[in-house]
Protein backbone atom coordinates (compact mmCIF):
# COMPACT_ATOMS: atom_id res chain seq x y z
CA MET A 1 -1.55 97.72 97.82
CA ARG A 2 1.78 98.31 99.55
CA ASN A 3 2.83 94.67 99.89
CA HIS A 4 4.90 93.83 96.82
CA GLY A 5 6.25 90.50 98.13
CA ILE A 6 5.02 86.95 97.67
CA GLY A 7 2.62 87.45 100.57
CA SER A 8 0.52 89.56 98.20
CA TRP A 9 0.26 86.82 95.59
CA THR A 10 -2.94 85.25 96.92
CA ALA A 11 -4.71 88.63 96.86
CA ARG A 12 -3.45 89.40 93.37
CA ARG A 13 -4.40 85.98 92.05
CA ALA A 14 -7.81 86.04 93.81
CA ARG A 15 -8.72 89.34 92.15
CA LYS A 16 -7.84 87.94 88.71
CA THR A 17 -9.13 84.35 88.91
CA PRO A 18 -11.08 83.96 92.18
CA HIS A 19 -13.02 80.87 91.11
CA ARG A 20 -10.16 78.97 89.51
CA LEU A 21 -9.06 75.87 91.40
CA ALA A 22 -5.80 76.52 93.26
CA VAL A 23 -5.07 73.46 95.43
CA VAL A 24 -6.27 69.87 95.58
CA HIS A 25 -5.18 67.85 98.61
CA GLN A 26 -6.82 64.54 99.37
CA GLY A 27 -10.51 65.43 99.79
CA SER A 28 -9.96 69.20 100.02
CA ARG A 29 -10.25 71.61 97.10
CA TYR A 30 -9.59 75.34 97.39
CA THR A 31 -10.15 78.07 94.84
CA TYR A 32 -7.84 81.07 94.75
CA ALA A 33 -10.48 83.11 96.58
CA GLN A 34 -10.69 80.47 99.31
CA LEU A 35 -6.91 80.15 99.55
CA HIS A 36 -6.63 83.91 99.93
CA ASP A 37 -9.29 83.92 102.66
CA ARG A 38 -7.57 81.12 104.59
CA THR A 39 -4.19 82.81 104.24
CA THR A 40 -5.60 86.11 105.52
CA ARG A 41 -7.18 84.43 108.53
CA LEU A 42 -3.94 82.58 109.35
CA ALA A 43 -2.03 85.86 109.11
CA HIS A 44 -4.41 87.38 111.67
CA ARG A 45 -3.91 84.36 113.92
CA LEU A 46 -0.13 84.62 113.67
CA ARG A 47 -0.36 88.30 114.49
CA SER A 48 -2.45 87.45 117.56
CA LEU A 49 0.41 85.17 118.64
CA GLY A 50 2.78 88.11 118.49
CA VAL A 51 4.30 87.67 115.03
CA ARG A 52 5.55 90.96 113.67
CA ARG A 53 7.64 92.16 110.78
CA GLY A 54 10.99 90.34 110.62
CA ASP A 55 9.97 87.49 112.95
CA SER A 56 10.59 83.91 111.81
CA VAL A 57 7.70 81.46 111.34
CA ALA A 58 8.63 77.83 110.67
CA PHE A 59 6.62 74.97 109.19
CA LEU A 60 7.34 71.32 110.00
CA GLY A 61 5.37 68.61 108.25
CA PRO A 62 4.76 66.86 104.93
CA ASN A 63 3.16 68.56 101.93
CA HIS A 64 -0.12 70.14 103.01
CA PRO A 65 -2.14 73.27 102.14
CA ALA A 66 -1.14 74.66 105.55
CA PHE A 67 2.46 74.81 104.29
CA LEU A 68 1.42 77.24 101.57
CA GLU A 69 -0.92 79.14 103.87
CA THR A 70 1.93 79.63 106.35
CA LEU A 71 4.29 80.77 103.58
CA PHE A 72 1.85 83.37 102.24
CA ALA A 73 0.60 84.43 105.70
CA ALA A 74 4.15 85.08 106.89
CA GLY A 75 4.78 87.10 103.74
CA ARG A 76 1.59 89.06 104.37
CA LEU A 77 2.94 90.17 107.75
CA GLY A 78 6.47 90.88 106.56
CA ALA A 79 7.62 87.89 108.60
CA VAL A 80 10.20 85.32 107.47
CA PHE A 81 9.18 81.80 106.44
CA VAL A 82 11.39 78.87 107.51
CA PRO A 83 10.53 75.54 105.82
CA LEU A 84 11.95 72.62 107.79
CA ASN A 85 13.14 69.31 106.37
CA ILE A 86 11.13 66.55 108.08
CA ARG A 87 13.92 64.07 107.37
CA LEU A 88 16.38 65.83 109.66
CA ALA A 89 17.21 64.40 113.05
CA ASP A 90 15.74 66.16 116.08
CA ALA A 91 19.07 67.78 116.92
CA GLU A 92 19.36 69.15 113.38
CA LEU A 93 15.81 70.53 113.51
CA ARG A 94 16.51 72.20 116.83
CA HIS A 95 19.59 73.83 115.27
CA CYS A 96 17.48 75.27 112.42
CA LEU A 97 14.85 76.58 114.87
CA ALA A 98 17.41 78.17 117.19
CA ASP A 99 19.59 79.51 114.39
CA SER A 100 16.64 81.18 112.63
CA GLY A 101 15.19 82.52 115.88
CA THR A 102 11.82 80.95 115.10
CA SER A 103 9.06 82.54 117.17
CA VAL A 104 6.12 80.41 115.98
CA LEU A 105 6.23 76.80 114.77
CA VAL A 106 3.38 75.51 112.61
CA HIS A 107 3.47 71.71 112.57
CA SER A 108 1.62 68.59 111.54
CA PRO A 109 0.24 66.30 114.29
CA SER A 110 2.99 63.74 113.69
CA PHE A 111 5.52 66.27 115.00
CA GLY A 112 3.52 67.24 118.07
CA ALA A 113 5.91 65.66 120.56
CA PHE A 114 8.94 67.27 118.95
CA ALA A 115 7.21 70.64 118.78
CA ALA A 116 6.32 70.51 122.47
CA ALA A 117 9.95 69.84 123.38
CA SER A 118 11.48 72.14 120.74
CA GLY A 119 11.78 75.21 122.93
CA VAL A 120 9.61 77.28 120.59
CA GLY A 121 7.09 78.97 122.84
CA ARG A 122 4.21 79.42 120.40
CA LEU A 123 2.88 76.47 118.41
CA VAL A 124 0.16 76.03 115.79
CA ALA A 125 -0.90 72.42 115.24
CA VAL A 126 -2.39 71.52 111.86
CA ASP A 127 -4.93 69.16 113.40
CA ASP A 128 -8.71 69.14 113.97
CA THR A 129 -8.45 72.54 115.65
CA TYR A 130 -6.71 74.25 112.74
CA ASP A 131 -9.71 74.92 110.49
CA LYS A 132 -11.85 75.95 113.49
CA ALA A 133 -9.21 78.48 114.52
CA LEU A 134 -9.09 79.88 110.99
CA ALA A 135 -12.87 80.20 110.86
CA GLN A 136 -12.82 82.22 114.09
CA ALA A 137 -10.02 84.54 112.94
CA PRO A 138 -10.77 87.87 111.21
CA ASN A 139 -10.52 88.11 107.45
CA SER A 140 -10.08 91.87 107.19
CA PRO A 141 -7.39 92.99 104.71
CA LEU A 142 -3.77 93.12 105.79
CA ASP A 143 -1.31 95.22 103.87
CA GLU A 144 2.06 95.37 105.59
CA ASN A 145 4.61 97.43 103.70
CA VAL A 146 6.83 94.72 102.17
CA THR A 147 9.33 95.45 99.42
CA LEU A 148 10.93 93.01 97.03
CA ASP A 149 14.26 93.54 98.78
CA ASP A 150 12.89 92.40 102.16
CA LEU A 151 13.78 88.99 103.56
CA ALA A 152 11.16 86.38 102.65
CA MET A 153 12.64 83.02 103.57
CA ILE A 154 15.48 81.31 105.39
CA MET A 155 15.92 78.01 103.60
CA TYR A 156 18.44 75.64 105.10
CA THR A 157 20.88 73.79 102.91
CA SER A 158 20.97 70.01 103.05
CA GLY A 159 24.02 70.03 105.26
CA THR A 160 25.85 67.40 103.18
CA THR A 161 29.11 69.33 103.73
CA GLY A 162 28.56 70.17 107.39
CA ARG A 163 25.97 71.77 109.67
CA ALA A 164 23.06 73.21 107.69
CA LYS A 165 23.37 76.89 106.79
CA GLY A 166 20.41 79.19 106.25
CA ALA A 167 20.30 80.75 102.79
CA VAL A 168 18.76 84.22 103.03
CA LEU A 169 16.25 84.61 100.16
CA SER A 170 14.42 87.84 99.49
CA HIS A 171 11.01 88.36 97.90
CA SER A 172 12.94 89.54 94.85
CA ASN A 173 14.96 86.30 94.69
CA LEU A 174 11.79 84.19 94.75
CA THR A 175 9.94 86.40 92.28
CA TRP A 176 12.77 86.49 89.74
CA ASN A 177 13.24 82.73 90.03
CA SER A 178 9.56 82.25 89.20
CA ILE A 179 9.90 84.61 86.22
CA ASN A 180 12.93 82.67 84.98
CA THR A 181 10.93 79.46 85.27
CA LEU A 182 7.91 80.89 83.44
CA VAL A 183 10.14 82.05 80.60
CA ASP A 184 12.32 78.97 80.25
CA ALA A 185 9.87 76.19 81.19
CA ASP A 186 6.94 77.92 79.46
CA PHE A 187 4.36 77.53 82.24
CA ALA A 188 0.77 78.18 81.13
CA SER A 189 -2.27 79.46 83.02
CA ASP A 190 -4.05 76.11 82.69
CA GLU A 191 -1.27 73.99 84.17
CA VAL A 192 -2.25 71.14 86.46
CA THR A 193 0.89 70.49 88.46
CA LEU A 194 1.39 67.29 90.44
CA LEU A 195 3.73 67.77 93.37
CA SER A 196 4.66 64.80 95.54
CA ALA A 197 8.29 65.81 96.07
CA PRO A 198 8.60 67.58 99.44
CA MET A 199 8.06 71.34 99.35
CA PHE A 200 10.67 71.93 102.04
CA HIS A 201 13.13 71.37 99.18
CA THR A 202 13.78 74.45 97.11
CA ALA A 203 13.13 72.94 93.66
CA ALA A 204 9.70 71.57 94.56
CA LEU A 205 8.61 74.85 96.13
CA ASN A 206 10.32 77.51 94.07
CA MET A 207 10.67 75.86 90.64
CA THR A 208 7.28 74.16 90.54
CA CYS A 209 4.76 75.36 93.11
CA LEU A 210 5.30 79.14 93.02
CA PRO A 211 5.44 79.41 89.19
CA THR A 212 2.18 77.43 89.01
CA PHE A 213 0.53 79.88 91.41
CA LEU A 214 1.96 82.90 89.62
CA LYS A 215 0.27 81.74 86.40
CA GLY A 216 -2.96 80.71 88.14
CA GLY A 217 -2.69 76.97 87.59
CA THR A 218 -3.84 74.13 89.83
CA LEU A 219 -1.57 72.31 92.29
CA ILE A 220 -2.27 68.65 93.07
CA LEU A 221 -0.56 68.27 96.43
CA GLU A 222 0.56 64.84 97.70
CA GLU A 223 2.10 64.18 101.10
CA SER A 224 4.33 61.37 99.80
CA PHE A 225 5.34 59.75 96.54
CA SER A 226 3.80 56.56 95.16
CA PRO A 227 4.51 55.56 91.53
CA SER A 228 1.18 53.77 91.17
CA ARG A 229 -0.81 56.64 92.67
CA THR A 230 1.09 59.07 90.44
CA ILE A 231 -0.30 57.33 87.38
CA ASP A 232 -3.77 57.38 88.93
CA LEU A 233 -3.56 61.13 89.57
CA VAL A 234 -2.27 61.89 86.08
CA GLU A 235 -5.22 60.08 84.56
CA GLU A 236 -7.78 61.48 87.03
CA HIS A 237 -6.79 65.16 86.96
CA GLY A 238 -5.19 65.51 83.52
CA VAL A 239 -1.84 66.46 85.03
CA THR A 240 0.27 68.64 82.72
CA VAL A 241 3.42 69.17 84.83
CA MET A 242 5.27 66.82 87.15
CA PHE A 243 8.37 67.43 89.22
CA GLY A 244 10.68 64.82 90.70
CA VAL A 245 14.17 63.41 90.94
CA PRO A 246 15.37 60.68 88.53
CA THR A 247 14.67 57.81 90.93
CA MET A 248 10.99 58.83 91.12
CA PHE A 249 10.63 58.75 87.34
CA GLN A 250 12.44 55.41 87.21
CA GLN A 251 9.93 53.94 89.64
CA ILE A 252 7.00 55.25 87.61
CA ALA A 253 8.44 53.72 84.43
CA ALA A 254 8.89 50.40 86.23
CA GLU A 255 5.16 50.14 86.98
CA GLU A 256 3.38 47.41 84.98
CA ARG A 257 0.69 49.93 84.00
CA PHE A 258 3.18 52.42 82.58
CA ALA A 259 3.02 51.18 78.99
CA GLU A 260 -0.79 51.54 78.83
CA ALA A 261 -1.27 54.51 81.16
CA ASP A 262 -2.91 57.62 79.67
CA LEU A 263 -0.12 60.20 79.82
CA SER A 264 -1.49 62.31 76.99
CA SER A 265 -2.09 65.34 79.23
CA VAL A 266 1.53 65.58 80.42
CA ARG A 267 3.40 68.43 78.75
CA LYS A 268 6.65 68.27 80.67
CA MET A 269 8.51 66.35 83.32
CA MET A 270 10.68 68.67 85.40
CA CYS A 271 13.62 66.88 86.94
CA GLY A 272 16.41 67.96 89.26
CA GLY A 273 18.90 66.61 91.77
CA ALA A 274 20.87 64.55 89.24
CA PRO A 275 21.13 64.18 85.45
CA VAL A 276 18.55 61.97 83.74
CA GLN A 277 20.09 59.00 81.98
CA GLN A 278 19.53 58.62 78.22
CA ALA A 279 17.74 55.28 78.62
CA LEU A 280 15.13 56.87 80.90
CA ILE A 281 14.67 59.84 78.55
CA ARG A 282 14.02 57.43 75.67
CA THR A 283 11.58 55.41 77.76
CA TYR A 284 9.44 58.49 78.36
CA GLU A 285 9.83 59.87 74.85
CA GLN A 286 8.37 56.61 73.56
CA ARG A 287 5.28 57.55 75.59
CA GLY A 288 5.28 61.07 74.17
CA VAL A 289 6.60 62.71 77.37
CA ARG A 290 9.66 64.94 77.44
CA PHE A 291 12.04 66.05 80.18
CA LEU A 292 13.13 69.48 81.32
CA GLN A 293 16.23 69.09 83.45
CA GLY A 294 17.30 71.74 85.91
CA TYR A 295 20.51 72.47 87.76
CA GLY A 296 20.50 74.71 90.77
CA MET A 297 20.98 75.11 94.49
CA THR A 298 19.25 76.58 97.51
CA GLU A 299 21.47 79.66 97.39
CA ALA A 300 20.19 80.48 93.88
CA ALA A 301 16.50 80.15 94.80
CA PRO A 302 17.32 77.64 93.09
CA GLY A 303 17.48 77.86 89.29
CA VAL A 304 20.89 78.28 87.64
CA CYS A 305 20.67 76.36 84.35
CA LEU A 306 18.00 74.51 82.41
CA LEU A 307 18.31 71.84 79.71
CA ASP A 308 15.30 72.08 77.41
CA ALA A 309 13.41 69.04 76.17
CA GLU A 310 14.56 69.43 72.57
CA ASN A 311 18.18 68.92 73.60
CA ALA A 312 17.59 66.37 76.37
CA LEU A 313 19.16 63.54 74.35
CA ALA A 314 21.67 65.49 72.26
CA LYS A 315 23.07 67.17 75.38
CA ALA A 316 22.37 64.35 77.85
CA GLY A 317 24.33 64.83 81.05
CA SER A 318 24.53 68.59 80.54
CA ALA A 319 23.05 71.10 82.98
CA GLY A 320 21.93 73.18 80.01
CA VAL A 321 22.33 76.92 79.61
CA PRO A 322 21.77 79.66 82.22
CA HIS A 323 18.24 80.75 83.03
CA PHE A 324 17.16 83.85 81.14
CA PHE A 325 18.07 86.45 83.78
CA ASN A 326 21.07 84.63 85.24
CA ASP A 327 24.66 84.50 84.03
CA VAL A 328 27.40 81.96 84.67
CA ARG A 329 31.14 81.78 84.17
CA ILE A 330 33.72 79.06 84.67
CA ALA A 331 36.78 80.18 86.60
CA ASP A 332 40.24 78.66 86.97
CA PRO A 333 41.89 78.41 90.42
CA ALA A 334 43.23 81.96 90.03
CA GLY A 335 39.71 83.28 89.45
CA HIS A 336 40.20 84.00 85.74
CA ASP A 337 37.79 82.79 83.07
CA ALA A 338 38.71 79.30 81.94
CA GLU A 339 39.18 78.62 78.26
CA ARG A 340 36.25 77.02 76.45
CA GLY A 341 36.47 73.28 77.05
CA GLU A 342 38.58 73.62 80.20
CA ARG A 343 37.38 72.68 83.66
CA GLY A 344 36.88 75.22 86.41
CA GLU A 345 34.56 76.24 89.21
CA LEU A 346 31.11 77.35 88.11
CA LEU A 347 30.18 80.86 89.26
CA VAL A 348 26.71 82.36 88.93
CA GLU A 349 25.30 85.88 89.13
CA GLY A 350 21.77 87.20 88.84
CA PRO A 351 18.65 88.41 90.66
CA THR A 352 17.90 84.98 92.13
CA ILE A 353 21.12 84.73 94.14
CA MET A 354 20.84 84.95 97.93
CA SER A 355 22.33 87.85 99.84
CA GLY A 356 24.20 85.48 102.14
CA TYR A 357 24.01 82.88 104.90
CA TRP A 358 21.97 83.76 107.95
CA GLY A 359 24.23 84.92 110.76
CA LEU A 360 27.41 83.71 109.05
CA PRO A 361 29.34 86.69 107.64
CA ASP A 362 32.56 84.72 107.12
CA ALA A 363 30.79 81.93 105.22
CA THR A 364 28.96 84.57 103.18
CA ALA A 365 32.19 86.33 102.25
CA ALA A 366 33.80 83.03 101.26
CA ALA A 367 30.83 82.15 99.04
CA PHE A 368 31.27 85.16 96.73
CA THR A 369 33.99 86.41 94.40
CA ASP A 370 33.50 89.92 93.04
CA GLY A 371 29.73 89.51 93.33
CA TRP A 372 29.66 86.06 91.73
CA PHE A 373 28.41 83.14 93.84
CA ARG A 374 30.80 80.21 94.02
CA THR A 375 28.79 77.03 93.48
CA GLY A 376 31.56 74.65 94.55
CA ASP A 377 30.90 72.63 91.40
CA VAL A 378 33.51 71.86 88.76
CA ALA A 379 32.07 72.52 85.30
CA ILE A 380 32.96 72.60 81.64
CA ALA A 381 31.20 74.37 78.75
CA ASP A 382 30.99 73.05 75.19
CA GLU A 383 31.16 75.05 71.98
CA ASP A 384 27.42 75.79 72.19
CA GLY A 385 27.66 77.16 75.71
CA TYR A 386 26.00 74.16 77.36
CA VAL A 387 27.37 73.64 80.85
CA THR A 388 28.18 70.19 82.20
CA ILE A 389 28.80 69.68 85.90
CA VAL A 390 31.86 67.49 86.20
CA ASP A 391 31.95 67.18 89.98
CA ARG A 392 32.09 68.90 93.31
CA VAL A 393 35.35 70.72 93.98
CA LYS A 394 35.68 68.84 97.26
CA ASP A 395 34.86 65.46 95.67
CA MET A 396 37.70 65.50 93.16
CA ILE A 397 40.15 62.60 93.57
CA ILE A 398 43.87 63.29 93.08
CA SER A 399 45.58 60.03 92.21
CA GLY A 400 49.28 60.08 91.45
CA GLY A 401 49.02 63.76 90.57
CA GLU A 402 46.11 63.20 88.15
CA ASN A 403 42.70 64.78 88.77
CA ILE A 404 39.81 62.29 88.65
CA TYR A 405 36.26 63.64 88.61
CA PRO A 406 33.87 61.03 90.11
CA ALA A 407 30.86 62.32 88.14
CA GLU A 408 32.64 61.51 84.88
CA VAL A 409 33.34 57.95 86.05
CA GLU A 410 29.77 57.56 87.36
CA LYS A 411 28.42 58.59 83.98
CA ALA A 412 30.44 55.82 82.31
CA LEU A 413 29.29 53.29 84.92
CA TYR A 414 25.64 54.11 84.19
CA GLU A 415 26.18 52.90 80.62
CA HIS A 416 26.53 49.35 81.99
CA PRO A 417 23.09 47.71 81.65
CA ALA A 418 23.34 46.09 85.10
CA VAL A 419 24.11 49.31 86.99
CA ALA A 420 21.06 50.98 88.56
CA ASP A 421 22.88 53.40 90.84
CA CYS A 422 26.50 54.20 91.62
CA ALA A 423 28.91 56.49 93.40
CA VAL A 424 32.66 56.89 93.05
CA ILE A 425 34.76 57.91 96.04
CA GLY A 426 38.45 58.22 96.79
CA VAL A 427 40.13 55.76 99.17
CA PRO A 428 43.69 55.83 100.53
CA ASP A 429 46.41 54.05 98.54
CA GLU A 430 50.06 53.63 99.53
CA LYS A 431 51.37 54.02 95.99
CA TRP A 432 49.10 56.66 94.46
CA GLY A 433 47.95 58.58 97.54
CA GLU A 434 44.33 57.80 96.77
CA VAL A 435 42.47 55.83 94.12
CA GLY A 436 38.89 55.55 92.99
CA ARG A 437 36.37 53.07 94.36
CA ALA A 438 33.00 52.45 92.75
CA VAL A 439 30.04 51.64 94.97
CA VAL A 440 27.43 50.04 92.72
CA VAL A 441 23.78 49.07 93.08
CA LEU A 442 22.72 46.48 90.52
CA ALA A 443 19.40 46.65 88.71
CA PRO A 444 16.72 44.17 89.85
CA ASP A 445 17.47 40.63 88.60
CA ALA A 446 20.75 41.83 87.05
CA GLU A 447 24.06 40.11 87.64
CA ALA A 448 27.56 41.49 87.24
CA SER A 449 30.79 40.92 89.10
CA ALA A 450 33.23 43.61 90.16
CA GLU A 451 35.68 42.35 87.56
CA GLU A 452 33.06 42.58 84.80
CA ILE A 453 32.15 46.13 85.74
CA LEU A 454 35.78 47.28 85.74
CA ALA A 455 36.42 45.53 82.43
CA PHE A 456 33.43 47.39 80.99
CA LEU A 457 35.17 50.70 81.69
CA ASP A 458 38.36 49.69 79.90
CA GLY A 459 38.50 51.71 76.70
CA ARG A 460 35.75 54.08 77.85
CA LEU A 461 37.93 55.94 80.32
CA ALA A 462 41.62 56.63 80.66
CA ARG A 463 43.27 53.91 82.73
CA TYR A 464 44.02 56.21 85.66
CA LYS A 465 40.32 57.14 85.89
CA ILE A 466 39.11 53.55 86.20
CA PRO A 467 38.38 52.67 89.86
CA LYS A 468 40.72 50.18 91.46
CA SER A 469 37.88 48.42 93.29
CA VAL A 470 34.13 47.91 93.20
CA VAL A 471 31.79 47.37 96.15
CA LEU A 472 28.27 46.08 95.52
CA ALA A 473 25.61 47.68 97.74
CA ASP A 474 21.88 47.27 98.22
CA ALA A 475 21.20 51.02 98.07
CA LEU A 476 22.98 54.37 98.20
CA PRO A 477 22.02 57.19 100.56
CA ARG A 478 20.55 60.21 98.81
CA SER A 479 19.08 63.47 100.02
CA GLY A 480 15.43 64.29 99.48
CA ALA A 481 16.51 66.24 96.39
CA GLY A 482 18.10 63.08 94.96
CA LYS A 483 21.73 64.07 95.53
CA LEU A 484 24.21 61.43 96.58
CA LEU A 485 25.28 61.85 100.20
CA LYS A 486 28.99 61.39 99.58
CA PRO A 487 30.08 61.87 103.22
CA ARG A 488 27.87 58.97 104.29
CA ILE A 489 29.07 56.84 101.38
CA ARG A 490 32.70 57.52 102.30
CA GLU A 491 31.97 56.66 105.91
CA ALA A 492 30.32 53.37 104.95
CA TYR A 493 32.60 52.25 102.12
CA GLY A 494 35.79 54.30 102.33
CA THR A 495 37.53 51.84 104.65
CA THR A 496 36.43 48.57 103.05
CA ASP A 497 38.25 46.34 100.62
CA SER A 498 36.88 45.49 97.18
CA SER A 499 34.59 42.83 98.62
CA GLY A 500 32.93 45.29 100.95
CA ALA A 501 34.52 43.81 104.08
CA PRO A 502 36.27 46.07 106.60
CA ALA A 503 39.87 46.67 105.56
């Protein structure tokens, strides 16, 4: 077999465990042999549409077996897979399609109108005709010469700091990330992985789905998240692994059935997007369930650090230590290694790091320093080597010459029992240049005034770090990966007074 990329995984898994259950989606169940057959037939269909080595094939739709079939079929042909975020606006989607040079768009029926007007000439609809077309396609072996260094995927960043950029990920990047995950998260061959977080996000696909397939486990695939249905699926299928962002796990814990639900099969909760608060960790530990917390980014395919379950409470708020085959360093503004305990930008190096941004040589050059990828995150390492992300470099507030890191203030705010969600931003100030403002979402049925919240921080933070105002909000905008969308928060609350009224 000459294909050494991820497109060969279905064939390799089918020859080892052909009858093992690979995917469960609604009423459909596919073994690894069946998944391999469907992937092969889709690859033949894509080839009949003109897809050749190096061409881009995009998928637009919610979680569905066709997503995985398109990923593996593209890899079988040496083509490039482009997963699209269904939450993007039409203009943003068109940018991703044009930027990647997509030649074929595979899409769910709900995106039929967009697909027809997208400008992509060749479309594959995942509707009633999809299975019929697969059945009519050949299933003869395909073995394109694909190396681990070949391009496998263009995965677009969330675009929270500007227009989305395409991270260029090779088959090697994806394979090494899966190996890191198998080593550090200890995936087993009998895993039953529940995935309701969207696979167009790198953590759901590359940290959860692909490692499950590499080990030959079973993927329970959901198109959307429901806390009640999650409990049902755990009990019905004996789920062993779950992935989500903190808000998803909070909603599950808030279900009335949570205290009595049978969670005995669950070995690990994998969480990303934001640190898990101690109260939530304790809530799950009381039910015998433990958290693995990951820190990463699209450009790292995505794993950078992992906080293991044994240290989830002792090192709460930490990103953990680097994945097995990755290395990190913390650099001062001059690019030198920061002293232990000092803040600096987190840099990462390893086999999971992208080669660059698609079609953006200047942005690629700016993203690396002597071969180390610049994360843009301010970090600090403790005496044990555990890394804590303090903030984004661009989010830091400079007030009267003092550096204020919003993440540090947000962590203190979360200790208030009435605070369910929060964000700290900088707002203009005549005296200090800029000062902090806390935007707070209160927990259901909780009451707290702005004055009470600020008083709570007194003694917990240095005076200059305490926000000068608090705005109460109904909800905060977050990306699908659970990250606060600071630009939107600044736009909505950066020009309001402490009562939330326009200044």
